[in-house]
Amino acid sequence: MLDGNQEQERLKRLREQQLRARDPDTKQRQHQRMTAQRERKRDKSYSLGRMWRDIPHLWRYSIFGFVLGILVLLILPLLWDSPSAQLCSFAAILVFTIFGGMLGNAIDVRENIKDLTR
């Protein structure tokens, strides 16, 4: 059983927690905090790597898929001596680009859901 002093401390913490939960300015403070973070980010120098990270995953993964398809276009005719090798290579470009776009879109949606749940 808790003694009187511990019980008072527990009740004080509970009251503080309840007040924080009902504080109407929490959303405003959170918005101000996010705005300040954006401003600090904006003031930093902008590098090529940061520019690449700012591109949505949909486009990044589509570019990766396209590059992978181009590699298939260059390598497959060397390995497979057939007139249909080039046609299959173009199909691979299309398939890898579409698959990359779908994968990138899934990652973007996942990040958007994470942002909304915060």
PDB file of N, CA and C in Angstrom:
ATOM      1  N   MET A   1       0.840  -1.177   0.000  1.00  0.00           N
ATOM      2  CA  MET A   1       0.000   0.000   0.000  1.00  0.00           C
ATOM      3  C   MET A   1       0.889   1.246   0.000  1.00  0.00           C
ATOM      4  N   LEU A   2       0.458   2.269  -0.709  1.00  0.00           N
ATOM      5  CA  LEU A   2       1.237   3.494  -0.812  1.00  0.00           C
ATOM      6  C   LEU A   2       0.976   4.396   0.386  1.00  0.00           C
ATOM      7  N   ASP A   3       2.012   5.049   0.866  1.00  0.00           N
ATOM      8  CA  ASP A   3       1.795   6.000   1.955  1.00  0.00           C
ATOM      9  C   ASP A   3       1.265   7.317   1.373  1.00  0.00           C
ATOM     10  N   GLY A   4       0.912   8.251   2.204  1.00  0.00           N
ATOM     11  CA  GLY A   4       0.271   9.494   1.783  1.00  0.00           C
ATOM     12  C   GLY A   4       1.100  10.311   0.816  1.00  0.00           C
ATOM     13  N   ASN A   5       2.408  10.407   1.043  1.00  0.00           N
ATOM     14  CA  ASN A   5       3.284  11.213   0.198  1.00  0.00           C
ATOM     15  C   ASN A   5       3.392  10.616  -1.220  1.00  0.00           C
ATOM     16  N   GLN A   6       3.554   9.290  -1.277  1.00  0.00           N
ATOM     17  CA  GLN A   6       3.641   8.637  -2.591  1.00  0.00           C
ATOM     18  C   GLN A   6       2.323   8.757  -3.344  1.00  0.00           C
ATOM     19  N   GLU A   7       1.236   8.649  -2.617  1.00  0.00           N
ATOM     20  CA  GLU A   7      -0.082   8.770  -3.252  1.00  0.00           C
ATOM     21  C   GLU A   7      -0.282  10.182  -3.801  1.00  0.00           C
ATOM     22  N   GLN A   8       0.149  11.199  -3.059  1.00  0.00           N
ATOM     23  CA  GLN A   8       0.031  12.580  -3.533  1.00  0.00           C
ATOM     24  C   GLN A   8       0.876  12.798  -4.785  1.00  0.00           C
ATOM     25  N   GLU A   9       2.078  12.228  -4.802  1.00  0.00           N
ATOM     26  CA  GLU A   9       2.950  12.358  -5.980  1.00  0.00           C
ATOM     27  C   GLU A   9       2.324  11.676  -7.188  1.00  0.00           C
ATOM     28  N   ARG A  10       1.751  10.504  -6.952  1.00  0.00           N
ATOM     29  CA  ARG A  10       1.102   9.775  -8.049  1.00  0.00           C
ATOM     30  C   ARG A  10      -0.084  10.570  -8.606  1.00  0.00           C
ATOM     31  N   LEU A  11      -0.875  11.130  -7.715  1.00  0.00           N
ATOM     32  CA  LEU A  11      -2.020  11.930  -8.150  1.00  0.00           C
ATOM     33  C   LEU A  11      -1.560  13.195  -8.877  1.00  0.00           C
ATOM     34  N   LYS A  12      -0.469  13.800  -8.416  1.00  0.00           N
ATOM     35  CA  LYS A  12       0.066  14.990  -9.072  1.00  0.00           C
ATOM     36  C   LYS A  12       0.532  14.652 -10.499  1.00  0.00           C
ATOM     37  N   ARG A  13       1.241  13.519 -10.652  1.00  0.00           N
ATOM     38  CA  ARG A  13       1.691  13.104 -11.990  1.00  0.00           C
ATOM     39  C   ARG A  13       0.504  12.799 -12.898  1.00  0.00           C
ATOM     40  N   LEU A  14      -0.517  12.144 -12.325  1.00  0.00           N
ATOM     41  CA  LEU A  14      -1.707  11.828 -13.107  1.00  0.00           C
ATOM     42  C   LEU A  14      -2.406  13.099 -13.567  1.00  0.00           C
ATOM     43  N   ARG A  15      -2.504  14.085 -12.688  1.00  0.00           N
ATOM     44  CA  ARG A  15      -3.147  15.355 -13.058  1.00  0.00           C
ATOM     45  C   ARG A  15      -2.347  16.072 -14.141  1.00  0.00           C
ATOM     46  N   GLU A  16      -1.023  16.103 -14.021  1.00  0.00           N
ATOM     47  CA  GLU A  16      -0.186  16.732 -15.040  1.00  0.00           C
ATOM     48  C   GLU A  16      -0.358  16.038 -16.389  1.00  0.00           C
ATOM     49  N   GLN A  17      -0.428  14.729 -16.337  1.00  0.00           N
ATOM     50  CA  GLN A  17      -0.610  13.971 -17.579  1.00  0.00           C
ATOM     51  C   GLN A  17      -1.954  14.297 -18.216  1.00  0.00           C
ATOM     52  N   GLN A  18      -2.993  14.392 -17.418  1.00  0.00           N
ATOM     53  CA  GLN A  18      -4.315  14.728 -17.940  1.00  0.00           C
ATOM     54  C   GLN A  18      -4.339  16.141 -18.520  1.00  0.00           C
ATOM     55  N   LEU A  19      -3.671  17.080 -17.855  1.00  0.00           N
ATOM     56  CA  LEU A  19      -3.619  18.449 -18.366  1.00  0.00           C
ATOM     57  C   LEU A  19      -2.880  18.518 -19.694  1.00  0.00           C
ATOM     58  N   ARG A  20      -1.787  17.782 -19.797  1.00  0.00           N
ATOM     59  CA  ARG A  20      -1.038  17.757 -21.060  1.00  0.00           C
ATOM     60  C   ARG A  20      -1.876  17.156 -22.187  1.00  0.00           C
ATOM     61  N   ALA A  21      -2.685  16.148 -21.845  1.00  0.00           N
ATOM     62  CA  ALA A  21      -3.518  15.503 -22.866  1.00  0.00           C
ATOM     63  C   ALA A  21      -4.602  16.447 -23.366  1.00  0.00           C
ATOM     64  N   ARG A  22      -5.068  17.358 -22.523  1.00  0.00           N
ATOM     65  CA  ARG A  22      -6.136  18.282 -22.916  1.00  0.00           C
ATOM     66  C   ARG A  22      -5.623  19.627 -23.404  1.00  0.00           C
ATOM     67  N   ASP A  23      -4.337  19.798 -23.458  1.00  0.00           N
ATOM     68  CA  ASP A  23      -3.756  21.084 -23.833  1.00  0.00           C
ATOM     69  C   ASP A  23      -4.122  21.422 -25.278  1.00  0.00           C
ATOM     70  N   PRO A  24      -4.831  22.523 -25.523  1.00  0.00           N
ATOM     71  CA  PRO A  24      -5.247  22.852 -26.898  1.00  0.00           C
ATOM     72  C   PRO A  24      -4.091  23.347 -27.767  1.00  0.00           C
ATOM     73  N   ASP A  25      -2.990  23.710 -27.166  1.00  0.00           N
ATOM     74  CA  ASP A  25      -1.884  24.251 -27.942  1.00  0.00           C
ATOM     75  C   ASP A  25      -0.908  23.181 -28.432  1.00  0.00           C
ATOM     76  N   THR A  26      -1.170  21.909 -28.143  1.00  0.00           N
ATOM     77  CA  THR A  26      -0.218  20.877 -28.551  1.00  0.00           C
ATOM     78  C   THR A  26      -0.108  20.805 -30.072  1.00  0.00           C
ATOM     79  N   LYS A  27      -1.221  20.882 -30.771  1.00  0.00           N
ATOM     80  CA  LYS A  27      -1.176  20.841 -32.237  1.00  0.00           C
ATOM     81  C   LYS A  27      -0.424  22.049 -32.789  1.00  0.00           C
ATOM     82  N   GLN A  28      -0.668  23.211 -32.196  1.00  0.00           N
ATOM     83  CA  GLN A  28       0.006  24.420 -32.655  1.00  0.00           C
ATOM     84  C   GLN A  28       1.513  24.319 -32.407  1.00  0.00           C
ATOM     85  N   ARG A  29       1.900  23.822 -31.233  1.00  0.00           N
ATOM     86  CA  ARG A  29       3.324  23.652 -30.947  1.00  0.00           C
ATOM     87  C   ARG A  29       3.968  22.636 -31.881  1.00  0.00           C
ATOM     88  N   GLN A  30       3.244  21.564 -32.157  1.00  0.00           N
ATOM     89  CA  GLN A  30       3.760  20.552 -33.066  1.00  0.00           C
ATOM     90  C   GLN A  30       3.944  21.149 -34.464  1.00  0.00           C
ATOM     91  N   HIS A  31       2.985  21.948 -34.907  1.00  0.00           N
ATOM     92  CA  HIS A  31       3.088  22.605 -36.211  1.00  0.00           C
ATOM     93  C   HIS A  31       4.276  23.567 -36.234  1.00  0.00           C
ATOM     94  N   GLN A  32       4.441  24.321 -35.168  1.00  0.00           N
ATOM     95  CA  GLN A  32       5.573  25.252 -35.088  1.00  0.00           C
ATOM     96  C   GLN A  32       6.900  24.498 -35.089  1.00  0.00           C
ATOM     97  N   ARG A  33       6.942  23.366 -34.395  1.00  0.00           N
ATOM     98  CA  ARG A  33       8.167  22.562 -34.351  1.00  0.00           C
ATOM     99  C   ARG A  33       8.500  22.036 -35.752  1.00  0.00           C
ATOM    100  N   MET A  34       7.482  21.537 -36.465  1.00  0.00           N
ATOM    101  CA  MET A  34       7.712  21.023 -37.817  1.00  0.00           C
ATOM    102  C   MET A  34       8.142  22.142 -38.764  1.00  0.00           C
ATOM    103  N   THR A  35       7.547  23.317 -38.613  1.00  0.00           N
ATOM    104  CA  THR A  35       7.913  24.458 -39.449  1.00  0.00           C
ATOM    105  C   THR A  35       9.355  24.870 -39.182  1.00  0.00           C
ATOM    106  N   ALA A  36       9.737  24.887 -37.927  1.00  0.00           N
ATOM    107  CA  ALA A  36      11.118  25.245 -37.581  1.00  0.00           C
ATOM    108  C   ALA A  36      12.097  24.217 -38.149  1.00  0.00           C
ATOM    109  N   GLN A  37      11.738  22.934 -38.094  1.00  0.00           N
ATOM    110  CA  GLN A  37      12.605  21.902 -38.674  1.00  0.00           C
ATOM    111  C   GLN A  37      12.756  22.099 -40.173  1.00  0.00           C
ATOM    112  N   ARG A  38      11.643  22.404 -40.847  1.00  0.00           N
ATOM    113  CA  ARG A  38      11.711  22.645 -42.299  1.00  0.00           C
ATOM    114  C   ARG A  38      12.611  23.834 -42.617  1.00  0.00           C
ATOM    115  N   GLU A  39      12.500  24.892 -41.821  1.00  0.00           N
ATOM    116  CA  GLU A  39      13.334  26.076 -42.058  1.00  0.00           C
ATOM    117  C   GLU A  39      14.811  25.764 -41.847  1.00  0.00           C
ATOM    118  N   ARG A  40      15.110  24.980 -40.803  1.00  0.00           N
ATOM    119  CA  ARG A  40      16.513  24.589 -40.579  1.00  0.00           C
ATOM    120  C   ARG A  40      17.018  23.737 -41.732  1.00  0.00           C
ATOM    121  N   LYS A  41      16.191  22.831 -42.222  1.00  0.00           N
ATOM    122  CA  LYS A  41      16.581  22.005 -43.370  1.00  0.00           C
ATOM    123  C   LYS A  41      16.831  22.873 -44.592  1.00  0.00           C
ATOM    124  N   ARG A  42      15.952  23.832 -44.800  1.00  0.00           N
ATOM    125  CA  ARG A  42      16.046  24.692 -45.974  1.00  0.00           C
ATOM    126  C   ARG A  42      17.329  25.517 -45.954  1.00  0.00           C
ATOM    127  N   ASP A  43      17.751  25.913 -44.775  1.00  0.00           N
ATOM    128  CA  ASP A  43      18.942  26.753 -44.657  1.00  0.00           C
ATOM    129  C   ASP A  43      20.236  25.989 -44.885  1.00  0.00           C
ATOM    130  N   LYS A  44      20.189  24.654 -44.786  1.00  0.00           N
ATOM    131  CA  LYS A  44      21.396  23.865 -45.012  1.00  0.00           C
ATOM    132  C   LYS A  44      21.738  23.865 -46.504  1.00  0.00           C
ATOM    133  N   SER A  45      23.005  23.574 -46.804  1.00  0.00           N
ATOM    134  CA  SER A  45      23.408  23.518 -48.211  1.00  0.00           C
ATOM    135  C   SER A  45      22.745  22.317 -48.878  1.00  0.00           C
ATOM    136  N   TYR A  46      22.604  22.400 -50.168  1.00  0.00           N
ATOM    137  CA  TYR A  46      21.884  21.396 -50.929  1.00  0.00           C
ATOM    138  C   TYR A  46      22.874  20.629 -51.792  1.00  0.00           C
ATOM    139  N   SER A  47      23.055  19.345 -51.513  1.00  0.00           N
ATOM    140  CA  SER A  47      24.023  18.549 -52.256  1.00  0.00           C
ATOM    141  C   SER A  47      23.303  17.665 -53.275  1.00  0.00           C
ATOM    142  N   LEU A  48      24.080  17.046 -54.125  1.00  0.00           N
ATOM    143  CA  LEU A  48      23.526  16.164 -55.154  1.00  0.00           C
ATOM    144  C   LEU A  48      22.872  14.939 -54.502  1.00  0.00           C
ATOM    145  N   GLY A  49      23.507  14.420 -53.470  1.00  0.00           N
ATOM    146  CA  GLY A  49      22.935  13.282 -52.762  1.00  0.00           C
ATOM    147  C   GLY A  49      21.608  13.618 -52.105  1.00  0.00           C
ATOM    148  N   ARG A  50      21.534  14.805 -51.535  1.00  0.00           N
ATOM    149  CA  ARG A  50      20.279  15.231 -50.905  1.00  0.00           C
ATOM    150  C   ARG A  50      19.195  15.443 -51.966  1.00  0.00           C
ATOM    151  N   MET A  51      19.609  15.955 -53.110  1.00  0.00           N
ATOM    152  CA  MET A  51      18.648  16.141 -54.193  1.00  0.00           C
ATOM    153  C   MET A  51      18.093  14.782 -54.621  1.00  0.00           C
ATOM    154  N   TRP A  52      18.957  13.777 -54.711  1.00  0.00           N
ATOM    155  CA  TRP A  52      18.526  12.435 -55.115  1.00  0.00           C
ATOM    156  C   TRP A  52      17.577  11.852 -54.068  1.00  0.00           C
ATOM    157  N   ARG A  53      17.851  12.093 -52.775  1.00  0.00           N
ATOM    158  CA  ARG A  53      16.980  11.583 -51.720  1.00  0.00           C
ATOM    159  C   ARG A  53      15.629  12.291 -51.699  1.00  0.00           C
ATOM    160  N   ASP A  54      15.570  13.511 -52.200  1.00  0.00           N
ATOM    161  CA  ASP A  54      14.308  14.251 -52.209  1.00  0.00           C
ATOM    162  C   ASP A  54      13.369  13.810 -53.321  1.00  0.00           C
ATOM    163  N   ILE A  55      13.901  13.114 -54.317  1.00  0.00           N
ATOM    164  CA  ILE A  55      13.061  12.610 -55.408  1.00  0.00           C
ATOM    165  C   ILE A  55      12.189  11.484 -54.838  1.00  0.00           C
ATOM    166  N   PRO A  56      10.900  11.468 -55.144  1.00  0.00           N
ATOM    167  CA  PRO A  56      10.035  10.404 -54.619  1.00  0.00           C
ATOM    168  C   PRO A  56      10.531   9.021 -55.048  1.00  0.00           C
ATOM    169  N   HIS A  57      10.287   8.044 -54.183  1.00  0.00           N
ATOM    170  CA  HIS A  57      10.733   6.682 -54.458  1.00  0.00           C
ATOM    171  C   HIS A  57      10.149   6.145 -55.768  1.00  0.00           C
ATOM    172  N   LEU A  58       8.952   6.578 -56.096  1.00  0.00           N
ATOM    173  CA  LEU A  58       8.323   6.137 -57.345  1.00  0.00           C
ATOM    174  C   LEU A  58       9.236   6.395 -58.534  1.00  0.00           C
ATOM    175  N   TRP A  59       9.782   7.586 -58.613  1.00  0.00           N
ATOM    176  CA  TRP A  59      10.644   7.932 -59.754  1.00  0.00           C
ATOM    177  C   TRP A  59      12.022   7.314 -59.620  1.00  0.00           C
ATOM    178  N   ARG A  60      12.560   7.273 -58.405  1.00  0.00           N
ATOM    179  CA  ARG A  60      13.894   6.689 -58.211  1.00  0.00           C
ATOM    180  C   ARG A  60      13.910   5.218 -58.609  1.00  0.00           C
ATOM    181  N   TYR A  61      12.932   4.461 -58.110  1.00  0.00           N
ATOM    182  CA  TYR A  61      12.906   3.036 -58.409  1.00  0.00           C
ATOM    183  C   TYR A  61      12.569   2.786 -59.873  1.00  0.00           C
ATOM    184  N   SER A  62      11.773   3.652 -60.491  1.00  0.00           N
ATOM    185  CA  SER A  62      11.514   3.528 -61.924  1.00  0.00           C
ATOM    186  C   SER A  62      12.805   3.726 -62.718  1.00  0.00           C
ATOM    187  N   ILE A  63      13.617   4.689 -62.287  1.00  0.00           N
ATOM    188  CA  ILE A  63      14.905   4.921 -62.955  1.00  0.00           C
ATOM    189  C   ILE A  63      15.823   3.719 -62.771  1.00  0.00           C
ATOM    190  N   PHE A  64      15.850   3.157 -61.551  1.00  0.00           N
ATOM    191  CA  PHE A  64      16.651   1.953 -61.319  1.00  0.00           C
ATOM    192  C   PHE A  64      16.198   0.816 -62.231  1.00  0.00           C
ATOM    193  N   GLY A  65      14.883   0.630 -62.344  1.00  0.00           N
ATOM    194  CA  GLY A  65      14.352  -0.422 -63.213  1.00  0.00           C
ATOM    195  C   GLY A  65      14.716  -0.185 -64.667  1.00  0.00           C
ATOM    196  N   PHE A  66      14.652   1.063 -65.102  1.00  0.00           N
ATOM    197  CA  PHE A  66      15.007   1.393 -66.482  1.00  0.00           C
ATOM    198  C   PHE A  66      16.483   1.099 -66.743  1.00  0.00           C
ATOM    199  N   VAL A  67      17.347   1.487 -65.813  1.00  0.00           N
ATOM    200  CA  VAL A  67      18.786   1.231 -65.965  1.00  0.00           C
ATOM    201  C   VAL A  67      19.052  -0.273 -65.984  1.00  0.00           C
ATOM    202  N   LEU A  68      18.369  -1.024 -65.124  1.00  0.00           N
ATOM    203  CA  LEU A  68      18.520  -2.476 -65.136  1.00  0.00           C
ATOM    204  C   LEU A  68      18.060  -3.055 -66.470  1.00  0.00           C
ATOM    205  N   GLY A  69      16.969  -2.524 -67.011  1.00  0.00           N
ATOM    206  CA  GLY A  69      16.507  -2.965 -68.328  1.00  0.00           C
ATOM    207  C   GLY A  69      17.500  -2.635 -69.421  1.00  0.00           C
ATOM    208  N   ILE A  70      18.137  -1.478 -69.354  1.00  0.00           N
ATOM    209  CA  ILE A  70      19.170  -1.110 -70.344  1.00  0.00           C
ATOM    210  C   ILE A  70      20.348  -2.080 -70.256  1.00  0.00           C
ATOM    211  N   LEU A  71      20.721  -2.468 -69.030  1.00  0.00           N
ATOM    212  CA  LEU A  71      21.793  -3.454 -68.874  1.00  0.00           C
ATOM    213  C   LEU A  71      21.412  -4.786 -69.518  1.00  0.00           C
ATOM    214  N   VAL A  72      20.167  -5.182 -69.350  1.00  0.00           N
ATOM    215  CA  VAL A  72      19.692  -6.404 -69.999  1.00  0.00           C
ATOM    216  C   VAL A  72      19.754  -6.235 -71.513  1.00  0.00           C
ATOM    217  N   LEU A  73      19.383  -5.063 -72.018  1.00  0.00           N
ATOM    218  CA  LEU A  73      19.434  -4.796 -73.457  1.00  0.00           C
ATOM    219  C   LEU A  73      20.860  -4.917 -73.989  1.00  0.00           C
ATOM    220  N   LEU A  74      21.834  -4.501 -73.198  1.00  0.00           N
ATOM    221  CA  LEU A  74      23.222  -4.571 -73.645  1.00  0.00           C
ATOM    222  C   LEU A  74      23.820  -5.970 -73.518  1.00  0.00           C
ATOM    223  N   ILE A  75      23.425  -6.713 -72.489  1.00  0.00           N
ATOM    224  CA  ILE A  75      24.051  -8.001 -72.211  1.00  0.00           C
ATOM    225  C   ILE A  75      23.344  -9.175 -72.883  1.00  0.00           C
ATOM    226  N   LEU A  76      22.009  -9.171 -72.924  1.00  0.00           N
ATOM    227  CA  LEU A  76      21.266 -10.322 -73.441  1.00  0.00           C
ATOM    228  C   LEU A  76      21.610 -10.672 -74.888  1.00  0.00           C
ATOM    229  N   PRO A  77      21.722  -9.719 -75.809  1.00  0.00           N
ATOM    230  CA  PRO A  77      22.083 -10.119 -77.183  1.00  0.00           C
ATOM    231  C   PRO A  77      23.485 -10.742 -77.283  1.00  0.00           C
ATOM    232  N   LEU A  78      24.351 -10.429 -76.344  1.00  0.00           N
ATOM    233  CA  LEU A  78      25.674 -11.056 -76.349  1.00  0.00           C
ATOM    234  C   LEU A  78      25.597 -12.517 -75.901  1.00  0.00           C
ATOM    235  N   LEU A  79      24.670 -12.814 -74.988  1.00  0.00           N
ATOM    236  CA  LEU A  79      24.543 -14.169 -74.467  1.00  0.00           C
ATOM    237  C   LEU A  79      23.595 -15.039 -75.283  1.00  0.00           C
ATOM    238  N   TRP A  80      22.610 -14.434 -75.874  1.00  0.00           N
ATOM    239  CA  TRP A  80      21.576 -15.190 -76.596  1.00  0.00           C
ATOM    240  C   TRP A  80      21.569 -14.708 -78.038  1.00  0.00           C
ATOM    241  N   ASP A  81      22.078 -15.529 -78.909  1.00  0.00           N
ATOM    242  CA  ASP A  81      22.178 -15.161 -80.324  1.00  0.00           C
ATOM    243  C   ASP A  81      20.879 -15.529 -81.034  1.00  0.00           C
ATOM    244  N   SER A  82      19.937 -14.608 -80.975  1.00  0.00           N
ATOM    245  CA  SER A  82      18.627 -14.837 -81.580  1.00  0.00           C
ATOM    246  C   SER A  82      18.030 -13.486 -81.959  1.00  0.00           C
ATOM    247  N   PRO A  83      17.223 -13.465 -83.010  1.00  0.00           N
ATOM    248  CA  PRO A  83      16.579 -12.189 -83.374  1.00  0.00           C
ATOM    249  C   PRO A  83      15.579 -11.704 -82.303  1.00  0.00           C
ATOM    250  N   SER A  84      15.068 -12.633 -81.540  1.00  0.00           N
ATOM    251  CA  SER A  84      14.086 -12.237 -80.522  1.00  0.00           C
ATOM    252  C   SER A  84      14.749 -11.736 -79.235  1.00  0.00           C
ATOM    253  N   ALA A  85      16.080 -11.777 -79.151  1.00  0.00           N
ATOM    254  CA  ALA A  85      16.775 -11.308 -77.950  1.00  0.00           C
ATOM    255  C   ALA A  85      16.548  -9.818 -77.745  1.00  0.00           C
ATOM    256  N   GLN A  86      16.580  -9.060 -78.818  1.00  0.00           N
ATOM    257  CA  GLN A  86      16.376  -7.618 -78.688  1.00  0.00           C
ATOM    258  C   GLN A  86      14.939  -7.310 -78.264  1.00  0.00           C
ATOM    259  N   LEU A  87      13.992  -8.060 -78.806  1.00  0.00           N
ATOM    260  CA  LEU A  87      12.591  -7.874 -78.419  1.00  0.00           C
ATOM    261  C   LEU A  87      12.395  -8.198 -76.934  1.00  0.00           C
ATOM    262  N   CYS A  88      13.009  -9.284 -76.483  1.00  0.00           N
ATOM    263  CA  CYS A  88      12.920  -9.639 -75.061  1.00  0.00           C
ATOM    264  C   CYS A  88      13.606  -8.581 -74.193  1.00  0.00           C
ATOM    265  N   SER A  89      14.668  -7.992 -74.702  1.00  0.00           N
ATOM    266  CA  SER A  89      15.363  -6.945 -73.949  1.00  0.00           C
ATOM    267  C   SER A  89      14.474  -5.719 -73.775  1.00  0.00           C
ATOM    268  N   PHE A  90      13.764  -5.334 -74.823  1.00  0.00           N
ATOM    269  CA  PHE A  90      12.849  -4.194 -74.705  1.00  0.00           C
ATOM    270  C   PHE A  90      11.706  -4.516 -73.747  1.00  0.00           C
ATOM    271  N   ALA A  91      11.252  -5.762 -73.781  1.00  0.00           N
ATOM    272  CA  ALA A  91      10.214  -6.179 -72.833  1.00  0.00           C
ATOM    273  C   ALA A  91      10.754  -6.115 -71.404  1.00  0.00           C
ATOM    274  N   ALA A  92      12.032  -6.486 -71.224  1.00  0.00           N
ATOM    275  CA  ALA A  92      12.640  -6.436 -69.898  1.00  0.00           C
ATOM    276  C   ALA A  92      12.734  -4.991 -69.405  1.00  0.00           C
ATOM    277  N   ILE A  93      13.061  -4.067 -70.305  1.00  0.00           N
ATOM    278  CA  ILE A  93      13.098  -2.657 -69.917  1.00  0.00           C
ATOM    279  C   ILE A  93      11.732  -2.220 -69.400  1.00  0.00           C
ATOM    280  N   LEU A  94      10.707  -2.574 -70.137  1.00  0.00           N
ATOM    281  CA  LEU A  94       9.343  -2.202 -69.756  1.00  0.00           C
ATOM    282  C   LEU A  94       8.949  -2.839 -68.424  1.00  0.00           C
ATOM    283  N   VAL A  95       9.219  -4.134 -68.285  1.00  0.00           N
ATOM    284  CA  VAL A  95       8.833  -4.854 -67.066  1.00  0.00           C
ATOM    285  C   VAL A  95       9.595  -4.308 -65.857  1.00  0.00           C
ATOM    286  N   PHE A  96      10.915  -4.115 -65.985  1.00  0.00           N
ATOM    287  CA  PHE A  96      11.691  -3.615 -64.856  1.00  0.00           C
ATOM    288  C   PHE A  96      11.289  -2.193 -64.484  1.00  0.00           C
ATOM    289  N   THR A  97      10.976  -1.372 -65.459  1.00  0.00           N
ATOM    290  CA  THR A  97      10.547  -0.001 -65.166  1.00  0.00           C
ATOM    291  C   THR A  97       9.208   0.007 -64.438  1.00  0.00           C
ATOM    292  N   ILE A  98       8.271  -0.797 -64.908  1.00  0.00           N
ATOM    293  CA  ILE A  98       6.954  -0.870 -64.255  1.00  0.00           C
ATOM    294  C   ILE A  98       7.087  -1.447 -62.848  1.00  0.00           C
ATOM    295  N   PHE A  99       7.880  -2.517 -62.714  1.00  0.00           N
ATOM    296  CA  PHE A  99       8.067  -3.114 -61.394  1.00  0.00           C
ATOM    297  C   PHE A  99       8.742  -2.123 -60.435  1.00  0.00           C
ATOM    298  N   GLY A 100       9.724  -1.402 -60.927  1.00  0.00           N
ATOM    299  CA  GLY A 100      10.379  -0.390 -60.098  1.00  0.00           C
ATOM    300  C   GLY A 100       9.416   0.702 -59.673  1.00  0.00           C
ATOM    301  N   GLY A 101       8.555   1.125 -60.593  1.00  0.00           N
ATOM    302  CA  GLY A 101       7.553   2.134 -60.254  1.00  0.00           C
ATOM    303  C   GLY A 101       6.577   1.646 -59.201  1.00  0.00           C
ATOM    304  N   MET A 102       6.147   0.398 -59.347  1.00  0.00           N
ATOM    305  CA  MET A 102       5.216  -0.160 -58.358  1.00  0.00           C
ATOM    306  C   MET A 102       5.874  -0.288 -56.984  1.00  0.00           C
ATOM    307  N   LEU A 103       7.120  -0.740 -56.967  1.00  0.00           N
ATOM    308  CA  LEU A 103       7.840  -0.873 -55.708  1.00  0.00           C
ATOM    309  C   LEU A 103       8.071   0.505 -55.069  1.00  0.00           C
ATOM    310  N   GLY A 104       8.464   1.479 -55.867  1.00  0.00           N
ATOM    311  CA  GLY A 104       8.667   2.830 -55.347  1.00  0.00           C
ATOM    312  C   GLY A 104       7.380   3.441 -54.816  1.00  0.00           C
ATOM    313  N   ASN A 105       6.288   3.209 -55.522  1.00  0.00           N
ATOM    314  CA  ASN A 105       4.999   3.723 -55.068  1.00  0.00           C
ATOM    315  C   ASN A 105       4.603   3.088 -53.740  1.00  0.00           C
ATOM    316  N   ALA A 106       4.857   1.793 -53.596  1.00  0.00           N
ATOM    317  CA  ALA A 106       4.535   1.114 -52.336  1.00  0.00           C
ATOM    318  C   ALA A 106       5.345   1.713 -51.187  1.00  0.00           C
ATOM    319  N   ILE A 107       6.603   2.019 -51.429  1.00  0.00           N
ATOM    320  CA  ILE A 107       7.445   2.607 -50.383  1.00  0.00           C
ATOM    321  C   ILE A 107       6.955   4.014 -50.049  1.00  0.00           C
ATOM    322  N   ASP A 108       6.579   4.790 -51.069  1.00  0.00           N
ATOM    323  CA  ASP A 108       6.045   6.137 -50.814  1.00  0.00           C
ATOM    324  C   ASP A 108       4.759   6.079 -49.996  1.00  0.00           C
ATOM    325  N   VAL A 109       3.874   5.156 -50.331  1.00  0.00           N
ATOM    326  CA  VAL A 109       2.614   5.026 -49.594  1.00  0.00           C
ATOM    327  C   VAL A 109       2.893   4.645 -48.149  1.00  0.00           C
ATOM    328  N   ARG A 110       3.839   3.720 -47.936  1.00  0.00           N
ATOM    329  CA  ARG A 110       4.190   3.311 -46.577  1.00  0.00           C
ATOM    330  C   ARG A 110       4.714   4.498 -45.773  1.00  0.00           C
ATOM    331  N   GLU A 111       5.567   5.319 -46.382  1.00  0.00           N
ATOM    332  CA  GLU A 111       6.091   6.484 -45.667  1.00  0.00           C
ATOM    333  C   GLU A 111       4.997   7.509 -45.388  1.00  0.00           C
ATOM    334  N   ASN A 112       4.064   7.683 -46.333  1.00  0.00           N
ATOM    335  CA  ASN A 112       2.951   8.606 -46.098  1.00  0.00           C
ATOM    336  C   ASN A 112       2.087   8.136 -44.939  1.00  0.00           C
ATOM    337  N   ILE A 113       1.858   6.836 -44.856  1.00  0.00           N
ATOM    338  CA  ILE A 113       1.067   6.303 -43.744  1.00  0.00           C
ATOM    339  C   ILE A 113       1.799   6.514 -42.428  1.00  0.00           C
ATOM    340  N   LYS A 114       3.121   6.307 -42.428  1.00  0.00           N
ATOM    341  CA  LYS A 114       3.901   6.551 -41.213  1.00  0.00           C
ATOM    342  C   LYS A 114       3.791   8.012 -40.791  1.00  0.00           C
ATOM    343  N   ASP A 115       3.866   8.928 -41.771  1.00  0.00           N
ATOM    344  CA  ASP A 115       3.771  10.354 -41.453  1.00  0.00           C
ATOM    345  C   ASP A 115       2.409  10.708 -40.887  1.00  0.00           C
ATOM    346  N   LEU A 116       1.362  10.084 -41.402  1.00  0.00           N
ATOM    347  CA  LEU A 116       0.018  10.393 -40.922  1.00  0.00           C
ATOM    348  C   LEU A 116      -0.240   9.834 -39.539  1.00  0.00           C
ATOM    349  N   THR A 117       0.428   8.746 -39.181  1.00  0.00           N
ATOM    350  CA  THR A 117       0.195   8.171 -37.861  1.00  0.00           C
ATOM    351  C   THR A 117       1.000   8.858 -36.771  1.00  0.00           C
ATOM    352  N   ARG A 118       1.961   9.683 -37.147  1.00  0.00           N
ATOM    353  CA  ARG A 118       2.756  10.401 -36.124  1.00  0.00           C
ATOM    354  C   ARG A 118       2.010  11.570 -35.577  1.00  0.00           C
TER     355      ARG A 118
END
